[in-house]
């Protein structure tokens, strides 16, 4: 749809008034599927969802039964992504009383499909998505974290060089699909050390908990264990030279992007640099 016209606004008005796609289609003399296509086209042209879809109703995204319009930002994040990173990314907006945040977690395919469908404004990931059909996706690099080796003070009491630590202690590593895992294995190969794997875990929160249980040394960015470092329950054994974790905010090209994203992307989470 190249431009808006009164017909599309009429479709929008009918759906907003009825709160139901079937009833609105009947009043307009259209099939439900045809009206749904027109509403989707209007949303794609504007660059954001106009309605929240439930099983039986369509609710205007800016009203939701309240007399005061509130800005809404819909964020998806990989279920395995650091919660500390997510919170820091949102920090510039957390003190706004006129803002409603909608937070969703899931796998990459699910979240990117929701982004394409305009049900999300941004998806937080630790890798760039592969190119595919549909609207062009834009990956904004919002943080880079140096990766370290972390463990309990008891385990690290004796200290030692990186090769000594890897030879002496089991390690907790990201799953095999993680780019960080491949980089760690390459580093161990250069050091001519074969680490003993205590656990391989996709979820950073679970890696943190296992490190606190002292089953081994965890390979992760410092942001994941920020609170434990402050409390002294975990400490960094050593940085892993050359290993970094990159975080991305993925959006799609829109004529009218959600303006709430601007301060988040502009900040680029600079304070997270370790």
C-alpha atoms as a PDB file:
ATOM      1  CA  UNK A   1       0.000   0.000   0.000  1.00  0.00           C
ATOM      2  CA  UNK A   2       1.699   3.176  -1.193  1.00  0.00           C
ATOM      3  CA  UNK A   3      -0.456   5.705   0.614  1.00  0.00           C
ATOM      4  CA  UNK A   4      -3.321   6.029   3.026  1.00  0.00           C
ATOM      5  CA  UNK A   5      -6.832   6.934   1.879  1.00  0.00           C
ATOM      6  CA  UNK A   6     -10.274   7.355   3.393  1.00  0.00           C
ATOM      7  CA  UNK A   7     -11.185   3.750   2.652  1.00  0.00           C
ATOM      8  CA  UNK A   8      -8.387   2.434   4.868  1.00  0.00           C
ATOM      9  CA  UNK A   9      -9.298   4.886   7.603  1.00  0.00           C
ATOM     10  CA  UNK A  10     -12.881   3.658   7.331  1.00  0.00           C
ATOM     11  CA  UNK A  11     -11.705   0.089   7.824  1.00  0.00           C
ATOM     12  CA  UNK A  12      -9.721   1.165  10.875  1.00  0.00           C
ATOM     13  CA  UNK A  13     -12.680   3.063  12.336  1.00  0.00           C
ATOM     14  CA  UNK A  14     -15.033   0.108  11.869  1.00  0.00           C
ATOM     15  CA  UNK A  15     -12.693  -2.363  13.564  1.00  0.00           C
ATOM     16  CA  UNK A  16     -11.919   0.062  16.391  1.00  0.00           C
ATOM     17  CA  UNK A  17     -15.642   0.684  16.952  1.00  0.00           C
ATOM     18  CA  UNK A  18     -16.706  -2.970  16.858  1.00  0.00           C
ATOM     19  CA  UNK A  19     -13.648  -4.401  18.595  1.00  0.00           C
ATOM     20  CA  UNK A  20     -14.209  -7.532  16.531  1.00  0.00           C
ATOM     21  CA  UNK A  21     -13.009  -8.319  13.021  1.00  0.00           C
ATOM     22  CA  UNK A  22     -15.993 -10.497  12.076  1.00  0.00           C
ATOM     23  CA  UNK A  23     -18.621  -7.910  13.075  1.00  0.00           C
ATOM     24  CA  UNK A  24     -16.700  -5.102  11.378  1.00  0.00           C
ATOM     25  CA  UNK A  25     -16.401  -7.135   8.175  1.00  0.00           C
ATOM     26  CA  UNK A  26     -20.137  -7.822   8.158  1.00  0.00           C
ATOM     27  CA  UNK A  27     -20.941  -4.117   8.512  1.00  0.00           C
ATOM     28  CA  UNK A  28     -18.508  -3.218   5.735  1.00  0.00           C
ATOM     29  CA  UNK A  29     -19.739  -5.964   3.411  1.00  0.00           C
ATOM     30  CA  UNK A  30     -16.314  -7.622   3.280  1.00  0.00           C
ATOM     31  CA  UNK A  31     -15.015 -11.052   4.133  1.00  0.00           C
ATOM     32  CA  UNK A  32     -13.130 -11.319   7.394  1.00  0.00           C
ATOM     33  CA  UNK A  33      -9.937 -12.346   5.587  1.00  0.00           C
ATOM     34  CA  UNK A  34     -10.140  -9.367   3.194  1.00  0.00           C
ATOM     35  CA  UNK A  35     -10.581  -6.933   6.061  1.00  0.00           C
ATOM     36  CA  UNK A  36      -7.739  -8.557   7.989  1.00  0.00           C
ATOM     37  CA  UNK A  37      -5.445  -8.082   4.975  1.00  0.00           C
ATOM     38  CA  UNK A  38      -6.378  -4.394   4.747  1.00  0.00           C
ATOM     39  CA  UNK A  39      -5.749  -3.807   8.453  1.00  0.00           C
ATOM     40  CA  UNK A  40      -2.392  -5.592   8.222  1.00  0.00           C
ATOM     41  CA  UNK A  41      -1.456  -3.467   5.216  1.00  0.00           C
ATOM     42  CA  UNK A  42      -2.364  -0.324   7.138  1.00  0.00           C
ATOM     43  CA  UNK A  43      -0.243  -1.438  10.102  1.00  0.00           C
ATOM     44  CA  UNK A  44       2.697  -2.222   7.828  1.00  0.00           C
ATOM     45  CA  UNK A  45       2.433   1.208   6.213  1.00  0.00           C
ATOM     46  CA  UNK A  46       2.379   2.940   9.599  1.00  0.00           C
ATOM     47  CA  UNK A  47       5.116   0.718  10.996  1.00  0.00           C
ATOM     48  CA  UNK A  48       3.404  -0.544  14.138  1.00  0.00           C
ATOM     49  CA  UNK A  49       0.453  -2.601  15.310  1.00  0.00           C
ATOM     50  CA  UNK A  50      -2.823  -0.712  15.723  1.00  0.00           C
ATOM     51  CA  UNK A  51      -4.627  -3.404  17.687  1.00  0.00           C
ATOM     52  CA  UNK A  52      -3.816  -5.975  20.317  1.00  0.00           C
ATOM     53  CA  UNK A  53      -5.293  -9.259  19.172  1.00  0.00           C
ATOM     54  CA  UNK A  54      -6.940 -11.647  21.615  1.00  0.00           C
ATOM     55  CA  UNK A  55      -9.098 -14.676  20.889  1.00  0.00           C
ATOM     56  CA  UNK A  56     -12.316 -12.678  20.612  1.00  0.00           C
ATOM     57  CA  UNK A  57     -11.522  -8.977  20.447  1.00  0.00           C
ATOM     58  CA  UNK A  58      -9.253  -6.407  18.878  1.00  0.00           C
ATOM     59  CA  UNK A  59      -8.211  -3.646  21.277  1.00  0.00           C
ATOM     60  CA  UNK A  60      -6.635  -0.353  20.260  1.00  0.00           C
ATOM     61  CA  UNK A  61      -3.014  -0.437  21.353  1.00  0.00           C
ATOM     62  CA  UNK A  62      -3.081   3.123  22.751  1.00  0.00           C
ATOM     63  CA  UNK A  63      -6.249   2.903  24.822  1.00  0.00           C
ATOM     64  CA  UNK A  64      -6.799  -0.499  26.436  1.00  0.00           C
ATOM     65  CA  UNK A  65      -9.861   0.799  28.256  1.00  0.00           C
ATOM     66  CA  UNK A  66      -7.963   3.591  29.985  1.00  0.00           C
ATOM     67  CA  UNK A  67      -8.864   7.264  29.688  1.00  0.00           C
ATOM     68  CA  UNK A  68      -5.192   8.255  29.396  1.00  0.00           C
ATOM     69  CA  UNK A  69      -3.251   7.237  26.297  1.00  0.00           C
ATOM     70  CA  UNK A  70       0.022   5.537  27.144  1.00  0.00           C
ATOM     71  CA  UNK A  71       3.047   4.923  24.999  1.00  0.00           C
ATOM     72  CA  UNK A  72       3.718   1.230  24.413  1.00  0.00           C
ATOM     73  CA  UNK A  73       7.008  -0.444  23.575  1.00  0.00           C
ATOM     74  CA  UNK A  74       7.034  -4.160  22.761  1.00  0.00           C
ATOM     75  CA  UNK A  75      10.343  -5.897  23.313  1.00  0.00           C
ATOM     76  CA  UNK A  76      11.266  -9.478  22.573  1.00  0.00           C
ATOM     77  CA  UNK A  77      14.393 -11.081  23.989  1.00  0.00           C
ATOM     78  CA  UNK A  78      15.967 -14.481  23.594  1.00  0.00           C
ATOM     79  CA  UNK A  79      15.011 -16.624  26.565  1.00  0.00           C
ATOM     80  CA  UNK A  80      18.708 -17.365  27.101  1.00  0.00           C
ATOM     81  CA  UNK A  81      19.816 -13.726  27.144  1.00  0.00           C
ATOM     82  CA  UNK A  82      21.213 -12.137  30.315  1.00  0.00           C
ATOM     83  CA  UNK A  83      18.445 -10.508  32.368  1.00  0.00           C
ATOM     84  CA  UNK A  84      20.941  -7.948  33.638  1.00  0.00           C
ATOM     85  CA  UNK A  85      21.660  -6.887  30.069  1.00  0.00           C
ATOM     86  CA  UNK A  86      17.942  -6.595  29.272  1.00  0.00           C
ATOM     87  CA  UNK A  87      17.342  -4.416  32.314  1.00  0.00           C
ATOM     88  CA  UNK A  88      20.294  -2.175  31.514  1.00  0.00           C
ATOM     89  CA  UNK A  89      19.093  -1.784  27.918  1.00  0.00           C
ATOM     90  CA  UNK A  90      15.685  -0.577  29.144  1.00  0.00           C
ATOM     91  CA  UNK A  91      17.083   1.687  31.866  1.00  0.00           C
ATOM     92  CA  UNK A  92      16.649   5.010  29.957  1.00  0.00           C
ATOM     93  CA  UNK A  93      12.858   4.481  29.886  1.00  0.00           C
ATOM     94  CA  UNK A  94      12.142   2.856  33.241  1.00  0.00           C
ATOM     95  CA  UNK A  95      11.270   6.098  35.071  1.00  0.00           C
ATOM     96  CA  UNK A  96       8.570   7.123  32.560  1.00  0.00           C
ATOM     97  CA  UNK A  97       5.109   7.000  34.119  1.00  0.00           C
ATOM     98  CA  UNK A  98       3.394   7.281  30.710  1.00  0.00           C
ATOM     99  CA  UNK A  99       5.037   4.159  29.316  1.00  0.00           C
ATOM    100  CA  UNK A 100       3.830   0.573  29.188  1.00  0.00           C
ATOM    101  CA  UNK A 101       6.461  -2.058  28.455  1.00  0.00           C
ATOM    102  CA  UNK A 102       5.461  -5.369  26.917  1.00  0.00           C
ATOM    103  CA  UNK A 103       8.227  -7.941  27.375  1.00  0.00           C
ATOM    104  CA  UNK A 104       8.260 -11.268  25.549  1.00  0.00           C
ATOM    105  CA  UNK A 105      10.856 -14.050  25.603  1.00  0.00           C
ATOM    106  CA  UNK A 106      11.314 -17.018  23.307  1.00  0.00           C
ATOM    107  CA  UNK A 107      13.439 -18.561  20.611  1.00  0.00           C
ATOM    108  CA  UNK A 108      14.893 -16.620  17.672  1.00  0.00           C
ATOM    109  CA  UNK A 109      12.503 -17.943  15.002  1.00  0.00           C
ATOM    110  CA  UNK A 110       9.434 -17.197  17.119  1.00  0.00           C
ATOM    111  CA  UNK A 111      10.547 -13.692  18.090  1.00  0.00           C
ATOM    112  CA  UNK A 112      11.633 -12.683  14.596  1.00  0.00           C
ATOM    113  CA  UNK A 113       8.287 -13.865  13.219  1.00  0.00           C
ATOM    114  CA  UNK A 114       6.543 -11.631  15.766  1.00  0.00           C
ATOM    115  CA  UNK A 115       8.813  -8.745  14.735  1.00  0.00           C
ATOM    116  CA  UNK A 116       7.881  -9.228  11.062  1.00  0.00           C
ATOM    117  CA  UNK A 117       4.205  -9.331  12.031  1.00  0.00           C
ATOM    118  CA  UNK A 118       4.611  -5.962  13.815  1.00  0.00           C
ATOM    119  CA  UNK A 119       3.708  -7.514  17.157  1.00  0.00           C
ATOM    120  CA  UNK A 120       7.140  -6.509  18.492  1.00  0.00           C
ATOM    121  CA  UNK A 121       9.114  -3.296  18.014  1.00  0.00           C
ATOM    122  CA  UNK A 122      12.547  -4.770  18.703  1.00  0.00           C
ATOM    123  CA  UNK A 123      14.173  -8.109  19.475  1.00  0.00           C
ATOM    124  CA  UNK A 124      17.272  -8.391  21.679  1.00  0.00           C
ATOM    125  CA  UNK A 125      19.718 -11.066  20.529  1.00  0.00           C
ATOM    126  CA  UNK A 126      23.331 -12.122  20.902  1.00  0.00           C
ATOM    127  CA  UNK A 127      23.765 -12.655  17.172  1.00  0.00           C
ATOM    128  CA  UNK A 128      22.575 -11.119  13.920  1.00  0.00           C
ATOM    129  CA  UNK A 129      19.664 -12.901  12.233  1.00  0.00           C
ATOM    130  CA  UNK A 130      20.173 -14.518   8.857  1.00  0.00           C
ATOM    131  CA  UNK A 131      18.646 -12.761   5.880  1.00  0.00           C
ATOM    132  CA  UNK A 132      15.264 -14.136   4.891  1.00  0.00           C
ATOM    133  CA  UNK A 133      11.980 -13.300   3.198  1.00  0.00           C
ATOM    134  CA  UNK A 134       9.865 -10.401   4.360  1.00  0.00           C
ATOM    135  CA  UNK A 135      10.823  -6.911   5.540  1.00  0.00           C
ATOM    136  CA  UNK A 136      14.526  -6.089   5.792  1.00  0.00           C
ATOM    137  CA  UNK A 137      15.932  -6.464   9.296  1.00  0.00           C
ATOM    138  CA  UNK A 138      18.415  -4.071  10.857  1.00  0.00           C
ATOM    139  CA  UNK A 139      20.817  -5.191  13.580  1.00  0.00           C
ATOM    140  CA  UNK A 140      21.943  -2.406  15.933  1.00  0.00           C
ATOM    141  CA  UNK A 141      24.975  -3.311  18.012  1.00  0.00           C
ATOM    142  CA  UNK A 142      24.140  -2.022  21.475  1.00  0.00           C
ATOM    143  CA  UNK A 143      26.878  -3.540  23.647  1.00  0.00           C
ATOM    144  CA  UNK A 144      30.092  -5.523  23.542  1.00  0.00           C
ATOM    145  CA  UNK A 145      31.182  -7.352  26.667  1.00  0.00           C
ATOM    146  CA  UNK A 146      34.584  -8.843  27.307  1.00  0.00           C
ATOM    147  CA  UNK A 147      34.251 -12.457  28.392  1.00  0.00           C
ATOM    148  CA  UNK A 148      35.937 -13.821  31.509  1.00  0.00           C
ATOM    149  CA  UNK A 149      36.308 -16.935  33.608  1.00  0.00           C
ATOM    150  CA  UNK A 150      34.304 -16.718  36.849  1.00  0.00           C
ATOM    151  CA  UNK A 151      34.101 -18.883  39.953  1.00  0.00           C
ATOM    152  CA  UNK A 152      33.684 -18.904  43.702  1.00  0.00           C
ATOM    153  CA  UNK A 153      36.426 -17.418  45.943  1.00  0.00           C
ATOM    154  CA  UNK A 154      36.927 -20.894  47.413  1.00  0.00           C
ATOM    155  CA  UNK A 155      37.639 -22.436  44.023  1.00  0.00           C
ATOM    156  CA  UNK A 156      39.937 -19.597  43.000  1.00  0.00           C
ATOM    157  CA  UNK A 157      41.837 -19.448  46.274  1.00  0.00           C
ATOM    158  CA  UNK A 158      45.022 -20.871  44.734  1.00  0.00           C
ATOM    159  CA  UNK A 159      44.978 -18.594  41.675  1.00  0.00           C
ATOM    160  CA  UNK A 160      47.067 -19.499  38.656  1.00  0.00           C
ATOM    161  CA  UNK A 161      47.515 -18.648  34.999  1.00  0.00           C
ATOM    162  CA  UNK A 162      44.758 -19.280  32.468  1.00  0.00           C
ATOM    163  CA  UNK A 163      46.268 -22.580  31.215  1.00  0.00           C
ATOM    164  CA  UNK A 164      46.687 -23.737  34.824  1.00  0.00           C
ATOM    165  CA  UNK A 165      43.109 -22.847  35.712  1.00  0.00           C
ATOM    166  CA  UNK A 166      41.705 -24.625  32.667  1.00  0.00           C
ATOM    167  CA  UNK A 167      43.795 -27.698  33.389  1.00  0.00           C
ATOM    168  CA  UNK A 168      42.842 -27.782  37.081  1.00  0.00           C
ATOM    169  CA  UNK A 169      39.127 -26.890  37.094  1.00  0.00           C
ATOM    170  CA  UNK A 170      36.064 -28.060  35.149  1.00  0.00           C
ATOM    171  CA  UNK A 171      34.292 -25.357  33.176  1.00  0.00           C
ATOM    172  CA  UNK A 172      30.702 -24.295  32.513  1.00  0.00           C
ATOM    173  CA  UNK A 173      30.350 -23.271  28.880  1.00  0.00           C
ATOM    174  CA  UNK A 174      27.634 -21.994  26.526  1.00  0.00           C
ATOM    175  CA  UNK A 175      25.894 -24.526  24.277  1.00  0.00           C
ATOM    176  CA  UNK A 176      27.443 -25.689  21.006  1.00  0.00           C
ATOM    177  CA  UNK A 177      25.347 -23.303  18.895  1.00  0.00           C
ATOM    178  CA  UNK A 178      26.829 -20.262  20.622  1.00  0.00           C
ATOM    179  CA  UNK A 179      29.513 -18.331  18.794  1.00  0.00           C
ATOM    180  CA  UNK A 180      31.138 -17.772  22.174  1.00  0.00           C
ATOM    181  CA  UNK A 181      31.539 -21.538  22.628  1.00  0.00           C
ATOM    182  CA  UNK A 182      33.471 -21.825  19.365  1.00  0.00           C
ATOM    183  CA  UNK A 183      35.728 -18.930  20.324  1.00  0.00           C
ATOM    184  CA  UNK A 184      36.455 -20.461  23.736  1.00  0.00           C
ATOM    185  CA  UNK A 185      37.347 -23.806  22.184  1.00  0.00           C
ATOM    186  CA  UNK A 186      39.677 -22.059  19.732  1.00  0.00           C
ATOM    187  CA  UNK A 187      41.368 -20.253  22.651  1.00  0.00           C
ATOM    188  CA  UNK A 188      41.812 -23.527  24.564  1.00  0.00           C
ATOM    189  CA  UNK A 189      43.283 -25.106  21.439  1.00  0.00           C
ATOM    190  CA  UNK A 190      45.818 -22.281  21.123  1.00  0.00           C
ATOM    191  CA  UNK A 191      46.755 -22.813  24.779  1.00  0.00           C
ATOM    192  CA  UNK A 192      47.033 -26.580  24.142  1.00  0.00           C
ATOM    193  CA  UNK A 193      44.606 -27.324  26.946  1.00  0.00           C
ATOM    194  CA  UNK A 194      41.619 -29.664  26.805  1.00  0.00           C
ATOM    195  CA  UNK A 195      39.091 -28.325  29.352  1.00  0.00           C
ATOM    196  CA  UNK A 196      36.877 -30.683  31.318  1.00  0.00           C
ATOM    197  CA  UNK A 197      33.258 -29.670  30.644  1.00  0.00           C
ATOM    198  CA  UNK A 198      31.169 -29.644  33.820  1.00  0.00           C
ATOM    199  CA  UNK A 199      28.085 -28.386  31.983  1.00  0.00           C
ATOM    200  CA  UNK A 200      27.085 -26.819  28.689  1.00  0.00           C
ATOM    201  CA  UNK A 201      24.150 -24.483  29.131  1.00  0.00           C
ATOM    202  CA  UNK A 202      22.223 -22.233  26.738  1.00  0.00           C
ATOM    203  CA  UNK A 203      20.684 -20.123  29.510  1.00  0.00           C
ATOM    204  CA  UNK A 204      23.024 -17.507  31.002  1.00  0.00           C
ATOM    205  CA  UNK A 205      20.947 -17.373  34.191  1.00  0.00           C
ATOM    206  CA  UNK A 206      21.471 -21.103  34.701  1.00  0.00           C
ATOM    207  CA  UNK A 207      25.210 -20.734  34.039  1.00  0.00           C
ATOM    208  CA  UNK A 208      25.306 -18.130  36.789  1.00  0.00           C
ATOM    209  CA  UNK A 209      23.493 -20.420  39.232  1.00  0.00           C
ATOM    210  CA  UNK A 210      25.780 -23.359  38.454  1.00  0.00           C
ATOM    211  CA  UNK A 211      28.847 -21.176  39.020  1.00  0.00           C
ATOM    212  CA  UNK A 212      27.414 -20.172  42.402  1.00  0.00           C
ATOM    213  CA  UNK A 213      26.982 -23.875  43.194  1.00  0.00           C
ATOM    214  CA  UNK A 214      30.719 -24.212  42.571  1.00  0.00           C
ATOM    215  CA  UNK A 215      30.574 -26.990  40.005  1.00  0.00           C
ATOM    216  CA  UNK A 216      33.208 -25.247  37.898  1.00  0.00           C
ATOM    217  CA  UNK A 217      34.432 -22.013  36.334  1.00  0.00           C
ATOM    218  CA  UNK A 218      31.934 -20.274  34.049  1.00  0.00           C
ATOM    219  CA  UNK A 219      32.766 -18.736  30.671  1.00  0.00           C
ATOM    220  CA  UNK A 220      30.557 -15.642  30.369  1.00  0.00           C
ATOM    221  CA  UNK A 221      30.416 -11.829  30.192  1.00  0.00           C
ATOM    222  CA  UNK A 222      30.732 -10.002  33.518  1.00  0.00           C
ATOM    223  CA  UNK A 223      27.252  -8.442  33.131  1.00  0.00           C
ATOM    224  CA  UNK A 224      25.687 -11.860  33.757  1.00  0.00           C
ATOM    225  CA  UNK A 225      27.218 -12.135  37.243  1.00  0.00           C
ATOM    226  CA  UNK A 226      27.272  -8.429  38.091  1.00  0.00           C
ATOM    227  CA  UNK A 227      25.351  -8.849  41.349  1.00  0.00           C
ATOM    228  CA  UNK A 228      27.461 -11.824  42.455  1.00  0.00           C
ATOM    229  CA  UNK A 229      30.660  -9.885  41.803  1.00  0.00           C
ATOM    230  CA  UNK A 230      29.416  -7.013  43.924  1.00  0.00           C
ATOM    231  CA  UNK A 231      28.385  -9.375  46.731  1.00  0.00           C
ATOM    232  CA  UNK A 232      31.618 -11.316  46.563  1.00  0.00           C
ATOM    233  CA  UNK A 233      29.941 -14.685  45.988  1.00  0.00           C
ATOM    234  CA  UNK A 234      31.745 -14.969  42.648  1.00  0.00           C
ATOM    235  CA  UNK A 235      34.950 -13.458  41.378  1.00  0.00           C
ATOM    236  CA  UNK A 236      36.703 -13.229  38.067  1.00  0.00           C
ATOM    237  CA  UNK A 237      39.602 -15.611  37.705  1.00  0.00           C
ATOM    238  CA  UNK A 238      40.915 -13.997  34.537  1.00  0.00           C
ATOM    239  CA  UNK A 239      39.682 -12.281  31.390  1.00  0.00           C
ATOM    240  CA  UNK A 240      39.694 -14.453  28.284  1.00  0.00           C
ATOM    241  CA  UNK A 241      41.834 -12.491  25.873  1.00  0.00           C
ATOM    242  CA  UNK A 242      40.086 -11.641  22.618  1.00  0.00           C
ATOM    243  CA  UNK A 243      36.721 -13.137  23.584  1.00  0.00           C
ATOM    244  CA  UNK A 244      33.738 -10.770  23.477  1.00  0.00           C
ATOM    245  CA  UNK A 245      29.971 -11.182  23.569  1.00  0.00           C
ATOM    246  CA  UNK A 246      28.074  -8.804  21.295  1.00  0.00           C
ATOM    247  CA  UNK A 247      24.457  -7.835  21.937  1.00  0.00           C
ATOM    248  CA  UNK A 248      22.138  -6.625  19.184  1.00  0.00           C
ATOM    249  CA  UNK A 249      18.784  -4.870  19.037  1.00  0.00           C
ATOM    250  CA  UNK A 250      17.082  -6.096  15.867  1.00  0.00           C
ATOM    251  CA  UNK A 251      14.396  -4.012  14.188  1.00  0.00           C
ATOM    252  CA  UNK A 252      12.750  -3.971  10.779  1.00  0.00           C
ATOM    253  CA  UNK A 253      12.741  -1.066   8.341  1.00  0.00           C
ATOM    254  CA  UNK A 254       9.562   0.956   8.946  1.00  0.00           C
ATOM    255  CA  UNK A 255       8.206   4.209   7.609  1.00  0.00           C
ATOM    256  CA  UNK A 256       7.236   5.231  11.149  1.00  0.00           C
ATOM    257  CA  UNK A 257       9.383   3.391  13.730  1.00  0.00           C
ATOM    258  CA  UNK A 258       8.369   3.497  17.373  1.00  0.00           C
ATOM    259  CA  UNK A 259       9.979   6.739  18.687  1.00  0.00           C
ATOM    260  CA  UNK A 260      10.607   5.090  22.064  1.00  0.00           C
ATOM    261  CA  UNK A 261      13.394   3.068  20.474  1.00  0.00           C
ATOM    262  CA  UNK A 262      15.467   6.140  19.688  1.00  0.00           C
ATOM    263  CA  UNK A 263      16.824   6.836  23.200  1.00  0.00           C
ATOM    264  CA  UNK A 264      17.518   3.140  23.751  1.00  0.00           C
ATOM    265  CA  UNK A 265      19.496   2.717  20.552  1.00  0.00           C
ATOM    266  CA  UNK A 266      21.244   6.039  21.014  1.00  0.00           C
ATOM    267  CA  UNK A 267      22.454   5.091  24.483  1.00  0.00           C
ATOM    268  CA  UNK A 268      23.939   1.868  23.074  1.00  0.00           C
ATOM    269  CA  UNK A 269      24.279   0.617  26.628  1.00  0.00           C
ATOM    270  CA  UNK A 270      27.757   2.148  26.867  1.00  0.00           C
ATOM    271  CA  UNK A 271      27.795   1.651  30.615  1.00  0.00           C
ATOM    272  CA  UNK A 272      27.836  -2.107  30.100  1.00  0.00           C
ATOM    273  CA  UNK A 273      31.363  -2.119  28.712  1.00  0.00           C
ATOM    274  CA  UNK A 274      33.428  -4.074  31.188  1.00  0.00           C
END
